[in-house]
Amino acid sequence: MLSIILQVLLGLGFIMFGYQKFVSEEMKQGFEYFGYSEGFRIFTGLFEVMSGLLMLIGIWVKVLATLAGIMIVVTMIGAILTHVKIKDELKNMTMPIVLLILGGVVTGLNWTYLF
């Protein structure tokens, strides 16, 4: 039950986060500020939307929840490293750290479905 609750939250969240990469002027400016290209912003948006969709489908196809969890963990490691790169304050890394942990929990709870 814990996994399903987290999957719904992460799934909907990452669909929204990914969508914002396409429509938010703030996101566009953020990627410029971080020194990332338009192509990387689009790739990141697609990757996040895909991980969100896979997370939701993973409610019924458990192996997809594991793969989506891994995708979220990788994405959040990238986000945290970006904050470190720009010497950002720890408080601005709180959300990526929390999402990394939640993605890791879903991955761990569904890990056995990979094998």
PDB file of N, CA and C in Angstrom:
ATOM      1  N   MET A   1       0.817  -1.196   0.000  1.00  0.00           N
ATOM      2  CA  MET A   1       0.000   0.000   0.000  1.00  0.00           C
ATOM      3  C   MET A   1       0.865   1.265   0.000  1.00  0.00           C
ATOM      4  N   LEU A   2       1.971   1.259   0.775  1.00  0.00           N
ATOM      5  CA  LEU A   2       2.882   2.397   0.806  1.00  0.00           C
ATOM      6  C   LEU A   2       3.422   2.690  -0.593  1.00  0.00           C
ATOM      7  N   SER A   3       3.786   1.630  -1.299  1.00  0.00           N
ATOM      8  CA  SER A   3       4.333   1.816  -2.637  1.00  0.00           C
ATOM      9  C   SER A   3       3.310   2.481  -3.557  1.00  0.00           C
ATOM     10  N   ILE A   4       2.070   2.058  -3.489  1.00  0.00           N
ATOM     11  CA  ILE A   4       1.042   2.621  -4.373  1.00  0.00           C
ATOM     12  C   ILE A   4       0.824   4.106  -4.072  1.00  0.00           C
ATOM     13  N   ILE A   5       0.781   4.462  -2.802  1.00  0.00           N
ATOM     14  CA  ILE A   5       0.613   5.874  -2.433  1.00  0.00           C
ATOM     15  C   ILE A   5       1.772   6.701  -2.980  1.00  0.00           C
ATOM     16  N   LEU A   6       2.995   6.220  -2.774  1.00  0.00           N
ATOM     17  CA  LEU A   6       4.167   6.937  -3.285  1.00  0.00           C
ATOM     18  C   LEU A   6       4.176   6.979  -4.810  1.00  0.00           C
ATOM     19  N   GLN A   7       3.736   5.899  -5.442  1.00  0.00           N
ATOM     20  CA  GLN A   7       3.700   5.860  -6.898  1.00  0.00           C
ATOM     21  C   GLN A   7       2.732   6.901  -7.460  1.00  0.00           C
ATOM     22  N   VAL A   8       1.586   7.049  -6.827  1.00  0.00           N
ATOM     23  CA  VAL A   8       0.622   8.052  -7.292  1.00  0.00           C
ATOM     24  C   VAL A   8       1.212   9.455  -7.122  1.00  0.00           C
ATOM     25  N   LEU A   9       1.777   9.722  -5.945  1.00  0.00           N
ATOM     26  CA  LEU A   9       2.356  11.042  -5.690  1.00  0.00           C
ATOM     27  C   LEU A   9       3.514  11.342  -6.648  1.00  0.00           C
ATOM     28  N   LEU A  10       4.437  10.388  -6.771  1.00  0.00           N
ATOM     29  CA  LEU A  10       5.588  10.596  -7.657  1.00  0.00           C
ATOM     30  C   LEU A  10       5.162  10.636  -9.122  1.00  0.00           C
ATOM     31  N   GLY A  11       4.247   9.763  -9.495  1.00  0.00           N
ATOM     32  CA  GLY A  11       3.798   9.723 -10.881  1.00  0.00           C
ATOM     33  C   GLY A  11       3.183  11.037 -11.314  1.00  0.00           C
ATOM     34  N   LEU A  12       2.221  11.510 -10.542  1.00  0.00           N
ATOM     35  CA  LEU A  12       1.574  12.786 -10.878  1.00  0.00           C
ATOM     36  C   LEU A  12       2.564  13.944 -10.778  1.00  0.00           C
ATOM     37  N   GLY A  13       3.405  13.904  -9.758  1.00  0.00           N
ATOM     38  CA  GLY A  13       4.403  14.960  -9.574  1.00  0.00           C
ATOM     39  C   GLY A  13       5.373  15.049 -10.739  1.00  0.00           C
ATOM     40  N   PHE A  14       5.885  13.923 -11.182  1.00  0.00           N
ATOM     41  CA  PHE A  14       6.879  13.964 -12.251  1.00  0.00           C
ATOM     42  C   PHE A  14       6.263  14.254 -13.616  1.00  0.00           C
ATOM     43  N   ILE A  15       5.004  13.907 -13.809  1.00  0.00           N
ATOM     44  CA  ILE A  15       4.329  14.352 -15.030  1.00  0.00           C
ATOM     45  C   ILE A  15       4.242  15.874 -15.019  1.00  0.00           C
ATOM     46  N   MET A  16       3.886  16.431 -13.878  1.00  0.00           N
ATOM     47  CA  MET A  16       3.793  17.885 -13.752  1.00  0.00           C
ATOM     48  C   MET A  16       5.172  18.554 -13.877  1.00  0.00           C
ATOM     49  N   PHE A  17       6.183  17.988 -13.180  1.00  0.00           N
ATOM     50  CA  PHE A  17       7.527  18.567 -13.252  1.00  0.00           C
ATOM     51  C   PHE A  17       8.045  18.561 -14.685  1.00  0.00           C
ATOM     52  N   GLY A  18       7.837  17.465 -15.375  1.00  0.00           N
ATOM     53  CA  GLY A  18       8.293  17.354 -16.753  1.00  0.00           C
ATOM     54  C   GLY A  18       7.566  18.326 -17.663  1.00  0.00           C
ATOM     55  N   TYR A  19       6.257  18.430 -17.491  1.00  0.00           N
ATOM     56  CA  TYR A  19       5.459  19.357 -18.292  1.00  0.00           C
ATOM     57  C   TYR A  19       5.952  20.793 -18.118  1.00  0.00           C
ATOM     58  N   GLN A  20       6.301  21.137 -16.881  1.00  0.00           N
ATOM     59  CA  GLN A  20       6.794  22.489 -16.603  1.00  0.00           C
ATOM     60  C   GLN A  20       8.074  22.809 -17.377  1.00  0.00           C
ATOM     61  N   LYS A  21       8.861  21.794 -17.678  1.00  0.00           N
ATOM     62  CA  LYS A  21      10.093  22.020 -18.449  1.00  0.00           C
ATOM     63  C   LYS A  21       9.776  22.560 -19.848  1.00  0.00           C
ATOM     64  N   PHE A  22       8.577  22.287 -20.336  1.00  0.00           N
ATOM     65  CA  PHE A  22       8.182  22.731 -21.674  1.00  0.00           C
ATOM     66  C   PHE A  22       7.494  24.096 -21.668  1.00  0.00           C
ATOM     67  N   VAL A  23       6.755  24.428 -20.614  1.00  0.00           N
ATOM     68  CA  VAL A  23       5.890  25.610 -20.662  1.00  0.00           C
ATOM     69  C   VAL A  23       6.313  26.747 -19.731  1.00  0.00           C
ATOM     70  N   SER A  24       7.127  26.461 -18.749  1.00  0.00           N
ATOM     71  CA  SER A  24       7.476  27.474 -17.756  1.00  0.00           C
ATOM     72  C   SER A  24       8.669  28.314 -18.211  1.00  0.00           C
ATOM     73  N   GLU A  25       8.457  29.613 -18.269  1.00  0.00           N
ATOM     74  CA  GLU A  25       9.551  30.535 -18.601  1.00  0.00           C
ATOM     75  C   GLU A  25      10.622  30.484 -17.513  1.00  0.00           C
ATOM     76  N   GLU A  26      10.182  30.297 -16.282  1.00  0.00           N
ATOM     77  CA  GLU A  26      11.124  30.189 -15.160  1.00  0.00           C
ATOM     78  C   GLU A  26      12.047  28.978 -15.332  1.00  0.00           C
ATOM     79  N   MET A  27      11.484  27.861 -15.789  1.00  0.00           N
ATOM     80  CA  MET A  27      12.301  26.663 -16.040  1.00  0.00           C
ATOM     81  C   MET A  27      13.304  26.923 -17.164  1.00  0.00           C
ATOM     82  N   LYS A  28      12.849  27.574 -18.213  1.00  0.00           N
ATOM     83  CA  LYS A  28      13.747  27.890 -19.329  1.00  0.00           C
ATOM     84  C   LYS A  28      14.909  28.746 -18.850  1.00  0.00           C
ATOM     85  N   GLN A  29      14.608  29.756 -18.049  1.00  0.00           N
ATOM     86  CA  GLN A  29      15.649  30.629 -17.513  1.00  0.00           C
ATOM     87  C   GLN A  29      16.561  29.872 -16.550  1.00  0.00           C
ATOM     88  N   GLY A  30      15.965  28.972 -15.760  1.00  0.00           N
ATOM     89  CA  GLY A  30      16.755  28.172 -14.820  1.00  0.00           C
ATOM     90  C   GLY A  30      17.780  27.303 -15.531  1.00  0.00           C
ATOM     91  N   PHE A  31      17.363  26.651 -16.606  1.00  0.00           N
ATOM     92  CA  PHE A  31      18.290  25.802 -17.351  1.00  0.00           C
ATOM     93  C   PHE A  31      19.404  26.636 -17.978  1.00  0.00           C
ATOM     94  N   GLU A  32      19.056  27.838 -18.450  1.00  0.00           N
ATOM     95  CA  GLU A  32      20.087  28.747 -18.973  1.00  0.00           C
ATOM     96  C   GLU A  32      21.069  29.116 -17.872  1.00  0.00           C
ATOM     97  N   TYR A  33      20.537  29.464 -16.705  1.00  0.00           N
ATOM     98  CA  TYR A  33      21.363  29.857 -15.565  1.00  0.00           C
ATOM     99  C   TYR A  33      22.311  28.729 -15.153  1.00  0.00           C
ATOM    100  N   PHE A  34      21.816  27.507 -15.206  1.00  0.00           N
ATOM    101  CA  PHE A  34      22.635  26.351 -14.837  1.00  0.00           C
ATOM    102  C   PHE A  34      23.659  26.007 -15.917  1.00  0.00           C
ATOM    103  N   GLY A  35      23.528  26.629 -17.089  1.00  0.00           N
ATOM    104  CA  GLY A  35      24.461  26.370 -18.179  1.00  0.00           C
ATOM    105  C   GLY A  35      24.061  25.184 -19.040  1.00  0.00           C
ATOM    106  N   TYR A  36      22.775  24.826 -19.027  1.00  0.00           N
ATOM    107  CA  TYR A  36      22.296  23.685 -19.795  1.00  0.00           C
ATOM    108  C   TYR A  36      21.591  24.153 -21.069  1.00  0.00           C
ATOM    109  N   SER A  37      21.636  23.340 -22.089  1.00  0.00           N
ATOM    110  CA  SER A  37      21.065  23.679 -23.390  1.00  0.00           C
ATOM    111  C   SER A  37      19.545  23.465 -23.409  1.00  0.00           C
ATOM    112  N   GLU A  38      18.932  24.036 -24.443  1.00  0.00           N
ATOM    113  CA  GLU A  38      17.500  23.820 -24.685  1.00  0.00           C
ATOM    114  C   GLU A  38      17.214  22.335 -24.877  1.00  0.00           C
ATOM    115  N   GLY A  39      18.099  21.669 -25.617  1.00  0.00           N
ATOM    116  CA  GLY A  39      17.929  20.240 -25.877  1.00  0.00           C
ATOM    117  C   GLY A  39      17.932  19.427 -24.591  1.00  0.00           C
ATOM    118  N   PHE A  40      18.797  19.799 -23.661  1.00  0.00           N
ATOM    119  CA  PHE A  40      18.856  19.076 -22.392  1.00  0.00           C
ATOM    120  C   PHE A  40      17.592  19.338 -21.574  1.00  0.00           C
ATOM    121  N   ARG A  41      17.073  20.569 -21.648  1.00  0.00           N
ATOM    122  CA  ARG A  41      15.818  20.887 -20.948  1.00  0.00           C
ATOM    123  C   ARG A  41      14.678  20.037 -21.501  1.00  0.00           C
ATOM    124  N   ILE A  42      14.602  19.924 -22.806  1.00  0.00           N
ATOM    125  CA  ILE A  42      13.550  19.119 -23.431  1.00  0.00           C
ATOM    126  C   ILE A  42      13.725  17.643 -23.079  1.00  0.00           C
ATOM    127  N   PHE A  43      14.972  17.144 -23.157  1.00  0.00           N
ATOM    128  CA  PHE A  43      15.242  15.762 -22.780  1.00  0.00           C
ATOM    129  C   PHE A  43      14.812  15.514 -21.335  1.00  0.00           C
ATOM    130  N   THR A  44      15.170  16.432 -20.444  1.00  0.00           N
ATOM    131  CA  THR A  44      14.825  16.283 -19.027  1.00  0.00           C
ATOM    132  C   THR A  44      13.313  16.256 -18.839  1.00  0.00           C
ATOM    133  N   GLY A  45      12.606  17.144 -19.540  1.00  0.00           N
ATOM    134  CA  GLY A  45      11.146  17.157 -19.457  1.00  0.00           C
ATOM    135  C   GLY A  45      10.531  15.848 -19.917  1.00  0.00           C
ATOM    136  N   LEU A  46      11.007  15.340 -21.050  1.00  0.00           N
ATOM    137  CA  LEU A  46      10.499  14.060 -21.558  1.00  0.00           C
ATOM    138  C   LEU A  46      10.813  12.922 -20.590  1.00  0.00           C
ATOM    139  N   PHE A  47      12.028  12.916 -20.060  1.00  0.00           N
ATOM    140  CA  PHE A  47      12.454  11.872 -19.128  1.00  0.00           C
ATOM    141  C   PHE A  47      11.582  11.891 -17.869  1.00  0.00           C
ATOM    142  N   GLU A  48      11.279  13.094 -17.377  1.00  0.00           N
ATOM    143  CA  GLU A  48      10.451  13.203 -16.177  1.00  0.00           C
ATOM    144  C   GLU A  48       9.002  12.784 -16.448  1.00  0.00           C
ATOM    145  N   VAL A  49       8.445  13.204 -17.581  1.00  0.00           N
ATOM    146  CA  VAL A  49       7.082  12.790 -17.924  1.00  0.00           C
ATOM    147  C   VAL A  49       7.029  11.271 -18.076  1.00  0.00           C
ATOM    148  N   MET A  50       8.028  10.702 -18.755  1.00  0.00           N
ATOM    149  CA  MET A  50       8.065   9.256 -18.948  1.00  0.00           C
ATOM    150  C   MET A  50       8.186   8.531 -17.604  1.00  0.00           C
ATOM    151  N   SER A  51       9.034   9.039 -16.719  1.00  0.00           N
ATOM    152  CA  SER A  51       9.173   8.368 -15.420  1.00  0.00           C
ATOM    153  C   SER A  51       7.867   8.456 -14.635  1.00  0.00           C
ATOM    154  N   GLY A  52       7.163   9.586 -14.735  1.00  0.00           N
ATOM    155  CA  GLY A  52       5.872   9.718 -14.059  1.00  0.00           C
ATOM    156  C   GLY A  52       4.833   8.755 -14.602  1.00  0.00           C
ATOM    157  N   LEU A  53       4.761   8.645 -15.929  1.00  0.00           N
ATOM    158  CA  LEU A  53       3.808   7.709 -16.539  1.00  0.00           C
ATOM    159  C   LEU A  53       4.137   6.263 -16.170  1.00  0.00           C
ATOM    160  N   LEU A  54       5.416   5.906 -16.240  1.00  0.00           N
ATOM    161  CA  LEU A  54       5.820   4.541 -15.878  1.00  0.00           C
ATOM    162  C   LEU A  54       5.528   4.249 -14.409  1.00  0.00           C
ATOM    163  N   MET A  55       5.694   5.275 -13.565  1.00  0.00           N
ATOM    164  CA  MET A  55       5.413   5.102 -12.139  1.00  0.00           C
ATOM    165  C   MET A  55       3.931   4.787 -11.933  1.00  0.00           C
ATOM    166  N   LEU A  56       3.060   5.479 -12.651  1.00  0.00           N
ATOM    167  CA  LEU A  56       1.619   5.217 -12.521  1.00  0.00           C
ATOM    168  C   LEU A  56       1.243   3.856 -13.101  1.00  0.00           C
ATOM    169  N   ILE A  57       1.764   3.521 -14.260  1.00  0.00           N
ATOM    170  CA  ILE A  57       1.500   2.204 -14.863  1.00  0.00           C
ATOM    171  C   ILE A  57       2.053   1.102 -13.963  1.00  0.00           C
ATOM    172  N   GLY A  58       3.130   1.429 -13.237  1.00  0.00           N
ATOM    173  CA  GLY A  58       3.753   0.471 -12.326  1.00  0.00           C
ATOM    174  C   GLY A  58       2.866   0.029 -11.185  1.00  0.00           C
ATOM    175  N   ILE A  59       1.762   0.718 -10.965  1.00  0.00           N
ATOM    176  CA  ILE A  59       0.802   0.266  -9.958  1.00  0.00           C
ATOM    177  C   ILE A  59       0.293  -1.121 -10.345  1.00  0.00           C
ATOM    178  N   TRP A  60       0.142  -1.355 -11.646  1.00  0.00           N
ATOM    179  CA  TRP A  60      -0.351  -2.645 -12.147  1.00  0.00           C
ATOM    180  C   TRP A  60       0.757  -3.528 -12.714  1.00  0.00           C
ATOM    181  N   VAL A  61       1.788  -2.918 -13.273  1.00  0.00           N
ATOM    182  CA  VAL A  61       2.928  -3.660 -13.853  1.00  0.00           C
ATOM    183  C   VAL A  61       4.143  -3.311 -13.003  1.00  0.00           C
ATOM    184  N   LYS A  62       4.359  -4.089 -11.959  1.00  0.00           N
ATOM    185  CA  LYS A  62       5.301  -3.741 -10.894  1.00  0.00           C
ATOM    186  C   LYS A  62       6.730  -3.475 -11.373  1.00  0.00           C
ATOM    187  N   VAL A  63       7.179  -4.183 -12.380  1.00  0.00           N
ATOM    188  CA  VAL A  63       8.548  -3.971 -12.859  1.00  0.00           C
ATOM    189  C   VAL A  63       8.730  -2.530 -13.347  1.00  0.00           C
ATOM    190  N   LEU A  64       7.674  -1.928 -13.875  1.00  0.00           N
ATOM    191  CA  LEU A  64       7.760  -0.540 -14.348  1.00  0.00           C
ATOM    192  C   LEU A  64       7.902   0.440 -13.189  1.00  0.00           C
ATOM    193  N   ALA A  65       7.333   0.107 -12.034  1.00  0.00           N
ATOM    194  CA  ALA A  65       7.518   0.950 -10.850  1.00  0.00           C
ATOM    195  C   ALA A  65       8.989   0.962 -10.449  1.00  0.00           C
ATOM    196  N   THR A  66       9.635  -0.190 -10.538  1.00  0.00           N
ATOM    197  CA  THR A  66      11.056  -0.269 -10.201  1.00  0.00           C
ATOM    198  C   THR A  66      11.875   0.566 -11.168  1.00  0.00           C
ATOM    199  N   LEU A  67      11.613   0.416 -12.463  1.00  0.00           N
ATOM    200  CA  LEU A  67      12.353   1.184 -13.468  1.00  0.00           C
ATOM    201  C   LEU A  67      12.099   2.681 -13.315  1.00  0.00           C
ATOM    202  N   ALA A  68      10.862   3.067 -13.060  1.00  0.00           N
ATOM    203  CA  ALA A  68      10.545   4.482 -12.858  1.00  0.00           C
ATOM    204  C   ALA A  68      11.244   5.025 -11.611  1.00  0.00           C
ATOM    205  N   GLY A  69      11.294   4.221 -10.563  1.00  0.00           N
ATOM    206  CA  GLY A  69      11.998   4.633  -9.347  1.00  0.00           C
ATOM    207  C   GLY A  69      13.466   4.894  -9.621  1.00  0.00           C
ATOM    208  N   ILE A  70      14.085   4.017 -10.397  1.00  0.00           N
ATOM    209  CA  ILE A  70      15.494   4.204 -10.769  1.00  0.00           C
ATOM    210  C   ILE A  70      15.647   5.482 -11.598  1.00  0.00           C
ATOM    211  N   MET A  71      14.724   5.714 -12.520  1.00  0.00           N
ATOM    212  CA  MET A  71      14.775   6.931 -13.343  1.00  0.00           C
ATOM    213  C   MET A  71      14.680   8.180 -12.467  1.00  0.00           C
ATOM    214  N   ILE A  72      13.820   8.152 -11.479  1.00  0.00           N
ATOM    215  CA  ILE A  72      13.661   9.304 -10.585  1.00  0.00           C
ATOM    216  C   ILE A  72      14.914   9.500  -9.743  1.00  0.00           C
ATOM    217  N   VAL A  73      15.483   8.420  -9.236  1.00  0.00           N
ATOM    218  CA  VAL A  73      16.711   8.525  -8.457  1.00  0.00           C
ATOM    219  C   VAL A  73      17.820   9.156  -9.302  1.00  0.00           C
ATOM    220  N   VAL A  74      17.981   8.690 -10.533  1.00  0.00           N
ATOM    221  CA  VAL A  74      19.020   9.234 -11.420  1.00  0.00           C
ATOM    222  C   VAL A  74      18.766  10.718 -11.690  1.00  0.00           C
ATOM    223  N   THR A  75      17.514  11.065 -11.959  1.00  0.00           N
ATOM    224  CA  THR A  75      17.160  12.464 -12.228  1.00  0.00           C
ATOM    225  C   THR A  75      17.470  13.347 -11.023  1.00  0.00           C
ATOM    226  N   MET A  76      17.141  12.875  -9.838  1.00  0.00           N
ATOM    227  CA  MET A  76      17.362  13.682  -8.641  1.00  0.00           C
ATOM    228  C   MET A  76      18.846  13.773  -8.277  1.00  0.00           C
ATOM    229  N   ILE A  77      19.619  12.746  -8.590  1.00  0.00           N
ATOM    230  CA  ILE A  77      21.069  12.866  -8.405  1.00  0.00           C
ATOM    231  C   ILE A  77      21.584  13.991  -9.299  1.00  0.00           C
ATOM    232  N   GLY A  78      21.093  14.039 -10.538  1.00  0.00           N
ATOM    233  CA  GLY A  78      21.479  15.123 -11.442  1.00  0.00           C
ATOM    234  C   GLY A  78      21.069  16.483 -10.909  1.00  0.00           C
ATOM    235  N   ALA A  79      19.864  16.576 -10.356  1.00  0.00           N
ATOM    236  CA  ALA A  79      19.388  17.845  -9.795  1.00  0.00           C
ATOM    237  C   ALA A  79      20.257  18.280  -8.613  1.00  0.00           C
ATOM    238  N   ILE A  80      20.573  17.335  -7.750  1.00  0.00           N
ATOM    239  CA  ILE A  80      21.401  17.654  -6.581  1.00  0.00           C
ATOM    240  C   ILE A  80      22.800  18.088  -7.031  1.00  0.00           C
ATOM    241  N   LEU A  81      23.371  17.373  -7.983  1.00  0.00           N
ATOM    242  CA  LEU A  81      24.698  17.753  -8.488  1.00  0.00           C
ATOM    243  C   LEU A  81      24.670  19.137  -9.135  1.00  0.00           C
ATOM    244  N   THR A  82      23.569  19.477  -9.784  1.00  0.00           N
ATOM    245  CA  THR A  82      23.438  20.812 -10.357  1.00  0.00           C
ATOM    246  C   THR A  82      23.457  21.864  -9.258  1.00  0.00           C
ATOM    247  N   HIS A  83      22.738  21.622  -8.169  1.00  0.00           N
ATOM    248  CA  HIS A  83      22.744  22.561  -7.044  1.00  0.00           C
ATOM    249  C   HIS A  83      24.139  22.678  -6.434  1.00  0.00           C
ATOM    250  N   VAL A  84      24.842  21.569  -6.337  1.00  0.00           N
ATOM    251  CA  VAL A  84      26.212  21.589  -5.812  1.00  0.00           C
ATOM    252  C   VAL A  84      27.117  22.378  -6.757  1.00  0.00           C
ATOM    253  N   LYS A  85      26.960  22.151  -8.070  1.00  0.00           N
ATOM    254  CA  LYS A  85      27.769  22.819  -9.099  1.00  0.00           C
ATOM    255  C   LYS A  85      27.678  24.342  -8.980  1.00  0.00           C
ATOM    256  N   ILE A  86      26.461  24.844  -8.727  1.00  0.00           N
ATOM    257  CA  ILE A  86      26.295  26.296  -8.645  1.00  0.00           C
ATOM    258  C   ILE A  86      26.477  26.816  -7.212  1.00  0.00           C
ATOM    259  N   LYS A  87      26.924  25.916  -6.334  1.00  0.00           N
ATOM    260  CA  LYS A  87      27.162  26.264  -4.928  1.00  0.00           C
ATOM    261  C   LYS A  87      25.899  26.822  -4.257  1.00  0.00           C
ATOM    262  N   ASP A  88      24.794  26.160  -4.519  1.00  0.00           N
ATOM    263  CA  ASP A  88      23.504  26.554  -3.962  1.00  0.00           C
ATOM    264  C   ASP A  88      23.435  26.182  -2.485  1.00  0.00           C
ATOM    265  N   GLU A  89      22.531  26.825  -1.766  1.00  0.00           N
ATOM    266  CA  GLU A  89      22.332  26.524  -0.347  1.00  0.00           C
ATOM    267  C   GLU A  89      21.651  25.170  -0.187  1.00  0.00           C
ATOM    268  N   LEU A  90      21.936  24.502   0.915  1.00  0.00           N
ATOM    269  CA  LEU A  90      21.370  23.178   1.198  1.00  0.00           C
ATOM    270  C   LEU A  90      19.841  23.222   1.207  1.00  0.00           C
ATOM    271  N   LYS A  91      19.253  24.304   1.707  1.00  0.00           N
ATOM    272  CA  LYS A  91      17.789  24.388   1.769  1.00  0.00           C
ATOM    273  C   LYS A  91      17.151  24.298   0.384  1.00  0.00           C
ATOM    274  N   ASN A  92      17.868  24.710  -0.665  1.00  0.00           N
ATOM    275  CA  ASN A  92      17.345  24.621  -2.025  1.00  0.00           C
ATOM    276  C   ASN A  92      17.478  23.223  -2.610  1.00  0.00           C
ATOM    277  N   MET A  93      18.176  22.345  -1.886  1.00  0.00           N
ATOM    278  CA  MET A  93      18.324  20.956  -2.324  1.00  0.00           C
ATOM    279  C   MET A  93      17.343  20.028  -1.622  1.00  0.00           C
ATOM    280  N   THR A  94      16.526  20.568  -0.739  1.00  0.00           N
ATOM    281  CA  THR A  94      15.628  19.746   0.070  1.00  0.00           C
ATOM    282  C   THR A  94      14.669  18.928  -0.799  1.00  0.00           C
ATOM    283  N   MET A  95      14.010  19.558  -1.762  1.00  0.00           N
ATOM    284  CA  MET A  95      13.035  18.841  -2.588  1.00  0.00           C
ATOM    285  C   MET A  95      13.700  17.731  -3.402  1.00  0.00           C
ATOM    286  N   PRO A  96      14.809  17.996  -4.102  1.00  0.00           N
ATOM    287  CA  PRO A  96      15.443  16.884  -4.824  1.00  0.00           C
ATOM    288  C   PRO A  96      15.894  15.745  -3.898  1.00  0.00           C
ATOM    289  N   ILE A  97      16.347  16.081  -2.706  1.00  0.00           N
ATOM    290  CA  ILE A  97      16.772  15.043  -1.761  1.00  0.00           C
ATOM    291  C   ILE A  97      15.569  14.197  -1.330  1.00  0.00           C
ATOM    292  N   VAL A  98      14.459  14.851  -1.011  1.00  0.00           N
ATOM    293  CA  VAL A  98      13.242  14.128  -0.603  1.00  0.00           C
ATOM    294  C   VAL A  98      12.759  13.242  -1.752  1.00  0.00           C
ATOM    295  N   LEU A  99      12.731  13.786  -2.971  1.00  0.00           N
ATOM    296  CA  LEU A  99      12.271  13.003  -4.124  1.00  0.00           C
ATOM    297  C   LEU A  99      13.217  11.841  -4.423  1.00  0.00           C
ATOM    298  N   LEU A 100      14.508  12.040  -4.225  1.00  0.00           N
ATOM    299  CA  LEU A 100      15.479  10.952  -4.386  1.00  0.00           C
ATOM    300  C   LEU A 100      15.177   9.828  -3.396  1.00  0.00           C
ATOM    301  N   ILE A 101      14.921  10.195  -2.159  1.00  0.00           N
ATOM    302  CA  ILE A 101      14.610   9.193  -1.131  1.00  0.00           C
ATOM    303  C   ILE A 101      13.316   8.457  -1.469  1.00  0.00           C
ATOM    304  N   LEU A 102      12.279   9.197  -1.858  1.00  0.00           N
ATOM    305  CA  LEU A 102      10.999   8.561  -2.187  1.00  0.00           C
ATOM    306  C   LEU A 102      11.129   7.649  -3.410  1.00  0.00           C
ATOM    307  N   GLY A 103      11.875   8.087  -4.414  1.00  0.00           N
ATOM    308  CA  GLY A 103      12.139   7.234  -5.577  1.00  0.00           C
ATOM    309  C   GLY A 103      12.898   5.986  -5.176  1.00  0.00           C
ATOM    310  N   GLY A 104      13.834   6.140  -4.239  1.00  0.00           N
ATOM    311  CA  GLY A 104      14.586   4.991  -3.736  1.00  0.00           C
ATOM    312  C   GLY A 104      13.708   4.017  -2.964  1.00  0.00           C
ATOM    313  N   VAL A 105      12.763   4.549  -2.209  1.00  0.00           N
ATOM    314  CA  VAL A 105      11.840   3.690  -1.452  1.00  0.00           C
ATOM    315  C   VAL A 105      10.985   2.864  -2.417  1.00  0.00           C
ATOM    316  N   VAL A 106      10.437   3.516  -3.442  1.00  0.00           N
ATOM    317  CA  VAL A 106       9.628   2.779  -4.426  1.00  0.00           C
ATOM    318  C   VAL A 106      10.486   1.726  -5.129  1.00  0.00           C
ATOM    319  N   THR A 107      11.702   2.097  -5.481  1.00  0.00           N
ATOM    320  CA  THR A 107      12.607   1.134  -6.115  1.00  0.00           C
ATOM    321  C   THR A 107      12.843  -0.060  -5.194  1.00  0.00           C
ATOM    322  N   GLY A 108      13.136   0.226  -3.936  1.00  0.00           N
ATOM    323  CA  GLY A 108      13.400  -0.857  -2.984  1.00  0.00           C
ATOM    324  C   GLY A 108      12.193  -1.745  -2.748  1.00  0.00           C
ATOM    325  N   LEU A 109      11.022  -1.149  -2.640  1.00  0.00           N
ATOM    326  CA  LEU A 109       9.812  -1.935  -2.385  1.00  0.00           C
ATOM    327  C   LEU A 109       9.443  -2.833  -3.564  1.00  0.00           C
ATOM    328  N   ASN A 110       9.871  -2.461  -4.769  1.00  0.00           N
ATOM    329  CA  ASN A 110       9.500  -3.211  -5.977  1.00  0.00           C
ATOM    330  C   ASN A 110      10.689  -3.921  -6.613  1.00  0.00           C
ATOM    331  N   TRP A 111      11.828  -3.895  -5.961  1.00  0.00           N
ATOM    332  CA  TRP A 111      13.079  -4.412  -6.537  1.00  0.00           C
ATOM    333  C   TRP A 111      12.971  -5.858  -7.006  1.00  0.00           C
ATOM    334  N   THR A 112      12.283  -6.680  -6.252  1.00  0.00           N
ATOM    335  CA  THR A 112      12.216  -8.115  -6.577  1.00  0.00           C
ATOM    336  C   THR A 112      11.492  -8.380  -7.890  1.00  0.00           C
ATOM    337  N   TYR A 113      10.693  -7.424  -8.359  1.00  0.00           N
ATOM    338  CA  TYR A 113       9.978  -7.618  -9.631  1.00  0.00           C
ATOM    339  C   TYR A 113      10.900  -7.520 -10.840  1.00  0.00           C
ATOM    340  N   LEU A 114      12.121  -7.041 -10.637  1.00  0.00           N
ATOM    341  CA  LEU A 114      13.082  -6.994 -11.741  1.00  0.00           C
ATOM    342  C   LEU A 114      13.618  -8.368 -12.095  1.00  0.00           C
ATOM    343  N   PHE A 115      13.526  -9.289 -11.159  1.00  0.00           N
ATOM    344  CA  PHE A 115      14.162 -10.605 -11.341  1.00  0.00           C
ATOM    345  C   PHE A 115      13.158 -11.726 -11.391  1.00  0.00           C
TER     346      PHE A 115
END
